[in-house]
Amino acid sequence: MFKNQLLTITHDFPIRTDKPIYNGKIRSIYFLTSEDSKRLIKQKEYNISPDSLLAVMIVSDRISAFDCIWHTKGRLNGILGKGAAINSISKYWFKVFKTNGLADNHIVDIPHPLVWIIQKTKPIMIEAICRKFLTGSIWRDYKQGKRKFSNLILPEGLKKNTELPEIIITPSTKGILRGIPGVSETTDANISRKNIEDNFNLFNFLKIEDITEYERLSKKGFSIISNKLKTIGQTFIDTKFEFGYITNTTGKKKLIYIDEVGTPDSSRIWNTQEYKIGNIIELSKEKFRQFLLEYIPDSDILLNKERIVERQKIACNSKLPRNILLKISDLYLNAAEIITGQAISLSRNPKQEILKILDEEYHLIK
C-alpha cells in the first residue's frame, strides 16, 4: 500500500543536465546547465550571484547504515516519510542558524518537500563530527587506550556514555582522498587538525584561517541545536556538519553550511529523562543501527572496514522484518513534528508530483 508513497530511486529523473548525476546513499544531485541556472536566478529572483550554478537535489526515502542501503520484506525498500522529515528538520535548523548570525546555507528554493534547488559549492572535503558524550567510535577508541581526542585529554576510568566537559570535533575525510600525506586513502578516514593545517588546500580550504571558522560554526551550531532539544526533553549526543564555498553577490567567497544539519540521519539523540536514570533510548537512526548490530549474527561485519564487501553483499540481499522500517518511519515523522512544530504531510505519489512541478513551474524536464 506504500509503494507509490515511497521515493527510493532518485537517479532516473529526466532533468536537463550536461554533467554526470551524483547518486549518493540518500540523495541524487542534478547539476543544471549554466543557461538554466541563469534563467532560474532571473525568473525566480533568487538573491544570489547571477553567475551561480544551480543543482536540483532530490532526497530519497532510502535507509542507509554502515555505508550500505538496506531492504525489507514485502517490497518496502524505504522509510515512509523519511526524506521529507530530514529535509524539513534541516530547513528548520538552517533558518535558526541564520537568525542567530551563523553562516548561510546552500538552499535557494524548495519546490517540493523532497526537493531543494541548491547553489553549487566548492565543498570542504571534511565531515566535522561534533561530540559531547563518550559513546560510539570514541568510546571504542577510549576502551582501547586512546585518551586524547581533539584538544581534550580524557582521564582514566570513565564509563560509557559519560558527558564530556566540552564539545570536541573529530574530523574525518569526506569520501576517499588520495595523495594527502598522513591521510588514509579510505572512506571516512579519521584525521587530525594538523593533517588539515598541513594540507588545507587539498581539503579545499581557501585559506588556513577558515579551519578555525569551520570549527566555530560547527561548535556554535551544535550548541544551538542542543539547547533547543533540551526544551523538548532530548539530549544531543553527536552530529556531523559539512561546509562549502560559494561566491556571494559582491563576488566574495564565503563559507556556508551544506548537506543536512541536526537530523536523525546525521545525529545521535537520546531521551533525556531515560538517560538520567541510566537508560539509553535512541531517537535517531542510531536505533536502526543498533537493531542491525543485534540482527546480523556476526556484528563485526558491520563494524570492520576491511569486511565492507561482505557487508555490502548482506545489505544487498537483506530482507529485514517489515515492522522495523515502520517503527523507524514513526521515529522520523515524530522527530520532524516535535522539532519544527509542523507535521509532515505525506505525498501520495512523490515521483509524479516532482516531475510535474519541475516541468510546469521550473521547465527543467527534457
Protein backbone atom coordinates (compact mmCIF):
# COMPACT_ATOMS: atom_id res chain seq x y z
CA MET A 1 0.00 0.00 0.00
CA PHE A 2 3.02 2.32 0.47
CA LYS A 3 4.69 1.58 -2.85
CA ASN A 4 3.77 4.83 -4.62
CA GLN A 5 4.33 6.93 -1.49
CA LEU A 6 7.96 5.86 -1.17
CA LEU A 7 10.68 7.51 -3.21
CA THR A 8 13.59 5.08 -3.26
CA ILE A 9 15.02 5.64 -6.76
CA THR A 10 16.17 9.21 -7.38
CA HIS A 11 18.77 8.99 -10.17
CA ASP A 12 16.35 8.39 -13.08
CA PHE A 13 14.55 11.75 -13.29
CA PRO A 14 14.73 13.23 -16.85
CA ILE A 15 16.13 16.52 -15.58
CA ARG A 16 18.13 18.51 -18.13
CA THR A 17 21.81 18.43 -17.23
CA ASP A 18 25.15 18.42 -19.03
CA LYS A 19 27.07 16.81 -16.17
CA PRO A 20 27.05 13.36 -14.55
CA ILE A 21 24.32 12.80 -11.98
CA TYR A 22 25.64 12.41 -8.45
CA ASN A 23 23.86 9.49 -6.79
CA GLY A 24 24.70 9.16 -3.11
CA LYS A 25 23.42 6.81 -0.46
CA ILE A 26 20.43 9.03 0.25
CA ARG A 27 20.37 11.85 -2.33
CA SER A 28 20.77 12.43 -6.04
CA ILE A 29 22.03 15.75 -7.41
CA TYR A 30 21.41 17.04 -10.93
CA PHE A 31 23.75 19.91 -11.85
CA LEU A 32 21.88 22.35 -14.09
CA THR A 33 23.31 23.89 -17.22
CA SER A 34 24.61 27.45 -16.98
CA GLU A 35 21.69 28.53 -19.22
CA ASP A 36 19.06 27.01 -16.92
CA SER A 37 20.86 28.37 -13.86
CA LYS A 38 20.87 31.93 -15.22
CA ARG A 39 17.25 31.63 -16.33
CA LEU A 40 16.00 30.46 -12.93
CA ILE A 41 18.04 33.01 -11.00
CA LYS A 42 16.47 35.76 -13.08
CA GLN A 43 12.92 34.39 -13.28
CA LYS A 44 12.68 33.38 -9.63
CA GLU A 45 14.61 36.43 -8.43
CA TYR A 46 16.98 34.38 -6.28
CA ASN A 47 19.16 36.62 -4.13
CA ILE A 48 22.44 35.08 -5.25
CA SER A 49 25.18 35.88 -7.72
CA PRO A 50 23.77 35.80 -11.29
CA ASP A 51 26.73 33.64 -12.32
CA SER A 52 25.98 30.96 -9.73
CA LEU A 53 25.47 27.40 -10.91
CA LEU A 54 22.42 25.62 -9.54
CA ALA A 55 21.54 22.00 -8.91
CA VAL A 56 18.41 20.01 -8.14
CA MET A 57 18.88 17.86 -5.03
CA ILE A 58 16.33 15.08 -4.56
CA VAL A 59 16.29 13.27 -1.24
CA SER A 60 15.06 9.69 -1.12
CA ASP A 61 13.34 7.55 1.48
CA ARG A 62 16.19 5.02 1.38
CA ILE A 63 17.68 3.84 4.67
CA SER A 64 21.47 3.76 4.90
CA ALA A 65 23.53 2.37 7.76
CA PHE A 66 27.13 1.22 7.96
CA ASP A 67 27.64 2.67 4.44
CA CYS A 68 25.04 0.35 2.90
CA ILE A 69 21.43 0.57 1.74
CA TRP A 70 19.08 -1.91 3.47
CA HIS A 71 15.88 -3.61 2.31
CA THR A 72 12.92 -5.27 3.93
CA LYS A 73 10.40 -8.00 3.22
CA GLY A 74 7.25 -7.15 1.33
CA ARG A 75 8.97 -4.83 -1.17
CA LEU A 76 9.05 -1.96 1.29
CA ASN A 77 12.53 -0.68 0.44
CA GLY A 78 12.49 2.62 2.27
CA ILE A 79 11.25 4.56 5.28
CA LEU A 80 7.88 6.21 4.72
CA GLY A 81 8.23 9.99 5.16
CA LYS A 82 11.96 9.85 5.90
CA GLY A 83 13.11 12.12 3.07
CA ALA A 84 10.53 14.80 3.79
CA ALA A 85 11.32 14.61 7.51
CA ILE A 86 15.07 15.16 7.20
CA ASN A 87 14.54 17.97 4.67
CA SER A 88 12.04 19.64 7.00
CA ILE A 89 14.36 19.39 10.00
CA SER A 90 17.39 20.66 8.07
CA LYS A 91 15.42 23.60 6.71
CA TYR A 92 14.35 24.46 10.27
CA TRP A 93 17.90 24.41 11.67
CA PHE A 94 19.32 26.35 8.69
CA LYS A 95 16.78 29.08 9.42
CA VAL A 96 17.64 29.08 13.14
CA PHE A 97 21.37 29.30 12.34
CA LYS A 98 20.80 32.28 10.05
CA THR A 99 18.62 34.00 12.67
CA ASN A 100 21.44 33.55 15.18
CA GLY A 101 24.00 35.15 12.89
CA LEU A 102 25.77 31.98 11.75
CA ALA A 103 26.65 31.13 8.16
CA ASP A 104 24.21 30.85 5.29
CA ASN A 105 23.37 27.56 3.57
CA HIS A 106 23.12 26.21 0.03
CA ILE A 107 19.30 26.10 -0.29
CA VAL A 108 17.93 28.55 -2.86
CA ASP A 109 14.40 27.21 -3.32
CA ILE A 110 12.16 24.34 -2.17
CA PRO A 111 9.83 23.23 -5.00
CA HIS A 112 8.68 20.08 -3.15
CA PRO A 113 9.23 18.57 0.33
CA LEU A 114 11.72 16.11 -1.20
CA VAL A 115 13.47 18.62 -3.48
CA TRP A 116 15.85 21.52 -2.96
CA ILE A 117 17.26 23.86 -5.56
CA ILE A 118 20.77 24.48 -4.27
CA GLN A 119 23.81 26.54 -5.18
CA LYS A 120 26.73 24.52 -6.46
CA THR A 121 29.57 24.88 -3.95
CA LYS A 122 33.21 24.04 -3.68
CA PRO A 123 32.84 21.50 -0.85
CA ILE A 124 35.26 21.18 2.03
CA MET A 125 36.34 17.54 1.91
CA ILE A 126 35.82 17.04 5.64
CA GLU A 127 32.96 15.87 7.80
CA ALA A 128 33.08 17.81 11.06
CA ILE A 129 31.84 15.34 13.67
CA CYS A 130 30.91 17.15 16.88
CA ARG A 131 30.62 15.13 20.08
CA LYS A 132 29.55 15.85 23.65
CA PHE A 133 29.36 12.29 25.03
CA LEU A 134 31.75 9.35 25.31
CA THR A 135 29.89 6.94 23.06
CA GLY A 136 30.11 5.38 19.62
CA SER A 137 33.52 5.25 17.96
CA ILE A 138 35.29 7.44 20.53
CA TRP A 139 34.13 5.09 23.30
CA ARG A 140 35.60 2.17 21.32
CA ASP A 141 38.87 4.14 20.97
CA TYR A 142 38.83 5.04 24.68
CA LYS A 143 38.40 1.36 25.64
CA GLN A 144 41.46 0.54 23.54
CA GLY A 145 43.56 3.08 25.46
CA LYS A 146 43.27 6.31 23.49
CA ARG A 147 42.99 9.36 25.77
CA LYS A 148 43.49 12.41 23.52
CA PHE A 149 40.54 13.46 21.40
CA SER A 150 40.88 16.73 19.53
CA ASN A 151 42.40 19.13 22.10
CA LEU A 152 40.87 17.25 25.05
CA ILE A 153 42.75 14.71 27.17
CA LEU A 154 40.35 12.42 29.00
CA PRO A 155 41.15 10.95 32.43
CA GLU A 156 41.26 7.25 33.25
CA GLY A 157 38.24 5.33 34.48
CA LEU A 158 35.45 7.00 32.53
CA LYS A 159 32.32 4.99 31.79
CA LYS A 160 30.49 4.60 28.51
CA ASN A 161 28.02 7.42 27.71
CA THR A 162 29.68 9.89 30.10
CA GLU A 163 29.12 13.54 29.17
CA LEU A 164 32.32 15.24 28.03
CA PRO A 165 33.43 18.54 29.63
CA GLU A 166 33.26 20.31 26.27
CA ILE A 167 32.25 19.82 22.64
CA ILE A 168 35.00 18.15 20.64
CA ILE A 169 35.39 17.82 16.88
CA THR A 170 36.74 14.56 15.47
CA PRO A 171 37.03 15.28 11.73
CA SER A 172 37.03 12.62 9.05
CA THR A 173 37.50 12.68 5.30
CA LYS A 174 34.50 13.05 3.03
CA GLY A 175 34.85 10.13 0.65
CA ILE A 176 38.24 8.73 -0.36
CA LEU A 177 41.00 11.34 -0.68
CA ARG A 178 44.22 10.36 -2.39
CA GLY A 179 47.70 11.77 -2.19
CA ILE A 180 47.40 13.63 1.12
CA PRO A 181 50.40 12.87 3.38
CA GLY A 182 49.42 11.04 6.58
CA VAL A 183 45.78 10.55 5.49
CA SER A 184 44.50 7.04 4.87
CA GLU A 185 43.02 6.51 1.40
CA THR A 186 39.82 5.01 2.77
CA THR A 187 36.24 6.19 3.17
CA ASP A 188 35.68 8.40 6.22
CA ALA A 189 39.28 8.23 7.43
CA ASN A 190 39.90 9.88 10.81
CA ILE A 191 42.20 12.89 10.54
CA SER A 192 43.81 15.36 12.93
CA ARG A 193 43.75 19.12 12.92
CA LYS A 194 47.43 19.04 11.98
CA ASN A 195 46.58 16.92 8.93
CA ILE A 196 44.16 19.66 7.90
CA GLU A 197 46.56 22.53 8.64
CA ASP A 198 49.43 20.93 6.74
CA ASN A 199 47.27 20.28 3.65
CA PHE A 200 44.43 22.79 3.98
CA ASN A 201 44.30 23.48 0.24
CA LEU A 202 43.98 19.75 -0.56
CA PHE A 203 40.92 19.64 1.69
CA ASN A 204 39.57 22.60 -0.37
CA PHE A 205 40.03 25.30 2.28
CA LEU A 206 40.81 28.61 0.57
CA LYS A 207 42.87 29.85 3.49
CA ILE A 208 44.18 28.32 6.68
CA GLU A 209 42.13 30.72 8.86
CA ASP A 210 38.95 29.06 7.60
CA ILE A 211 39.83 25.95 9.60
CA THR A 212 39.12 27.92 12.76
CA GLU A 213 35.92 29.27 11.19
CA TYR A 214 34.57 25.82 10.30
CA GLU A 215 35.27 24.73 13.88
CA ARG A 216 33.46 27.78 15.25
CA LEU A 217 30.43 27.21 13.03
CA SER A 218 30.36 23.53 13.99
CA LYS A 219 30.51 24.08 17.74
CA LYS A 220 28.11 27.02 17.70
CA GLY A 221 25.66 25.09 15.52
CA PHE A 222 25.90 22.11 17.87
CA SER A 223 25.19 24.32 20.90
CA ILE A 224 22.15 25.94 19.28
CA ILE A 225 20.61 22.57 18.39
CA SER A 226 21.49 21.11 21.80
CA ASN A 227 19.85 23.98 23.68
CA LYS A 228 16.67 23.69 21.62
CA LEU A 229 16.45 19.92 22.07
CA LYS A 230 16.80 20.31 25.84
CA THR A 231 13.49 22.20 25.87
CA ILE A 232 11.71 19.18 24.35
CA GLY A 233 13.28 16.53 26.58
CA GLN A 234 16.01 15.40 24.23
CA THR A 235 19.80 15.25 24.59
CA PHE A 236 22.03 16.00 21.61
CA ILE A 237 24.87 13.48 21.66
CA ASP A 238 26.79 13.97 18.43
CA THR A 239 26.30 15.12 14.85
CA LYS A 240 28.13 15.97 11.65
CA PHE A 241 28.39 19.23 9.72
CA GLU A 242 29.56 19.81 6.18
CA PHE A 243 30.67 23.04 4.53
CA GLY A 244 31.40 24.53 1.15
CA TYR A 245 32.26 27.82 -0.54
CA ILE A 246 30.00 29.95 -2.71
CA THR A 247 30.55 33.34 -4.35
CA ASN A 248 28.14 35.93 -2.95
CA THR A 249 26.51 38.82 -4.81
CA THR A 250 29.56 41.05 -4.22
CA GLY A 251 31.95 38.49 -5.70
CA LYS A 252 33.38 37.40 -2.34
CA LYS A 253 33.91 33.75 -1.43
CA LYS A 254 32.13 32.70 1.76
CA LEU A 255 31.90 29.52 3.80
CA ILE A 256 28.39 28.08 4.19
CA TYR A 257 26.63 25.03 5.61
CA ILE A 258 25.74 22.33 3.08
CA ASP A 259 24.10 18.89 3.03
CA GLU A 260 21.86 18.44 6.11
CA VAL A 261 22.03 19.50 9.75
CA GLY A 262 20.65 18.19 13.03
CA THR A 263 18.60 15.36 11.53
CA PRO A 264 18.03 11.83 12.88
CA ASP A 265 20.20 10.69 9.94
CA SER A 266 23.25 12.80 10.80
CA SER A 267 22.95 12.87 14.58
CA ARG A 268 22.65 10.77 17.70
CA ILE A 269 19.86 11.92 20.03
CA TRP A 270 18.69 10.42 23.34
CA ASN A 271 15.63 10.72 25.54
CA THR A 272 16.84 12.94 28.39
CA GLN A 273 14.68 11.55 31.18
CA GLU A 274 15.67 7.96 30.41
CA TYR A 275 19.36 8.90 30.19
CA LYS A 276 19.18 10.39 33.69
CA ILE A 277 18.12 7.02 35.11
CA GLY A 278 20.71 5.07 33.15
CA ASN A 279 18.68 4.00 30.11
CA ILE A 280 19.57 4.84 26.52
CA ILE A 281 16.53 5.41 24.32
CA GLU A 282 17.65 6.33 20.82
CA LEU A 283 15.67 8.99 18.95
CA SER A 284 17.65 8.85 15.71
CA LYS A 285 18.88 6.46 13.02
CA GLU A 286 21.15 5.00 15.68
CA LYS A 287 18.09 2.97 16.70
CA PHE A 288 18.20 1.25 13.30
CA ARG A 289 21.96 0.76 13.56
CA GLN A 290 21.54 -0.90 16.96
CA PHE A 291 18.85 -3.15 15.51
CA LEU A 292 21.25 -4.28 12.76
CA LEU A 293 24.03 -4.97 15.27
CA GLU A 294 21.67 -7.32 17.11
CA TYR A 295 20.02 -8.77 13.99
CA ILE A 296 23.15 -9.66 11.97
CA PRO A 297 24.76 -12.76 13.58
CA ASP A 298 28.35 -11.55 13.03
CA SER A 299 28.25 -7.87 14.02
CA ASP A 300 31.97 -7.48 13.20
CA ILE A 301 30.96 -7.42 9.54
CA LEU A 302 29.17 -4.13 10.22
CA LEU A 303 31.98 -2.54 12.23
CA ASN A 304 35.09 -3.77 10.44
CA LYS A 305 36.01 -1.56 7.47
CA GLU A 306 38.04 -4.40 5.99
CA ARG A 307 34.87 -6.51 5.66
CA ILE A 308 32.96 -3.97 3.59
CA VAL A 309 32.50 -6.37 0.65
CA GLU A 310 30.80 -8.94 2.92
CA ARG A 311 28.69 -6.17 4.43
CA GLN A 312 27.54 -4.86 1.06
CA LYS A 313 26.54 -8.37 0.00
CA ILE A 314 24.46 -8.85 3.15
CA ALA A 315 22.80 -5.46 2.76
CA CYS A 316 22.04 -6.01 -0.93
CA ASN A 317 20.31 -9.31 -0.15
CA SER A 318 18.71 -8.14 3.08
CA LYS A 319 15.05 -8.80 3.80
CA LEU A 320 14.63 -7.19 7.18
CA PRO A 321 11.38 -7.51 9.16
CA ARG A 322 8.90 -5.02 7.74
CA ASN A 323 7.82 -3.77 11.15
CA ILE A 324 11.28 -2.34 11.95
CA LEU A 325 11.06 0.06 8.99
CA LEU A 326 7.57 1.12 10.03
CA LYS A 327 8.87 1.86 13.55
CA ILE A 328 11.74 3.90 12.13
CA SER A 329 9.23 5.77 9.95
CA ASP A 330 7.35 6.82 13.09
CA LEU A 331 10.65 7.93 14.65
CA TYR A 332 11.46 10.27 11.72
CA LEU A 333 7.94 11.66 11.41
CA ASN A 334 7.70 12.31 15.16
CA ALA A 335 11.14 13.94 15.22
CA ALA A 336 10.19 16.35 12.44
CA GLU A 337 6.92 17.33 14.10
CA ILE A 338 8.43 17.79 17.57
CA ILE A 339 11.43 19.82 16.37
CA THR A 340 9.75 22.02 13.75
CA GLY A 341 6.25 22.17 15.21
CA GLN A 342 4.83 21.08 11.84
CA ALA A 343 3.52 17.61 10.97
CA ILE A 344 4.80 16.00 7.77
CA SER A 345 2.17 15.71 5.07
CA LEU A 346 2.93 12.53 3.14
CA SER A 347 2.84 12.68 -0.64
CA ARG A 348 0.56 10.23 -2.42
CA ASN A 349 2.95 9.85 -5.35
CA PRO A 350 6.09 11.94 -4.82
CA LYS A 351 7.77 11.00 -8.09
CA GLN A 352 4.85 12.19 -10.21
CA GLU A 353 4.47 15.32 -8.10
CA ILE A 354 8.16 16.22 -8.51
CA LEU A 355 8.11 15.61 -12.26
CA LYS A 356 5.04 17.81 -12.66
CA ILE A 357 6.48 20.70 -10.64
CA LEU A 358 9.92 20.62 -12.25
CA ASP A 359 8.30 20.52 -15.69
CA GLU A 360 5.48 23.04 -15.36
CA GLU A 361 6.98 25.53 -12.91
CA TYR A 362 10.74 25.23 -13.48
CA HIS A 363 10.88 23.90 -17.09
CA LEU A 364 13.75 21.53 -16.26
CA ILE A 365 12.38 18.25 -17.66
CA LYS A 366 13.77 17.12 -21.00
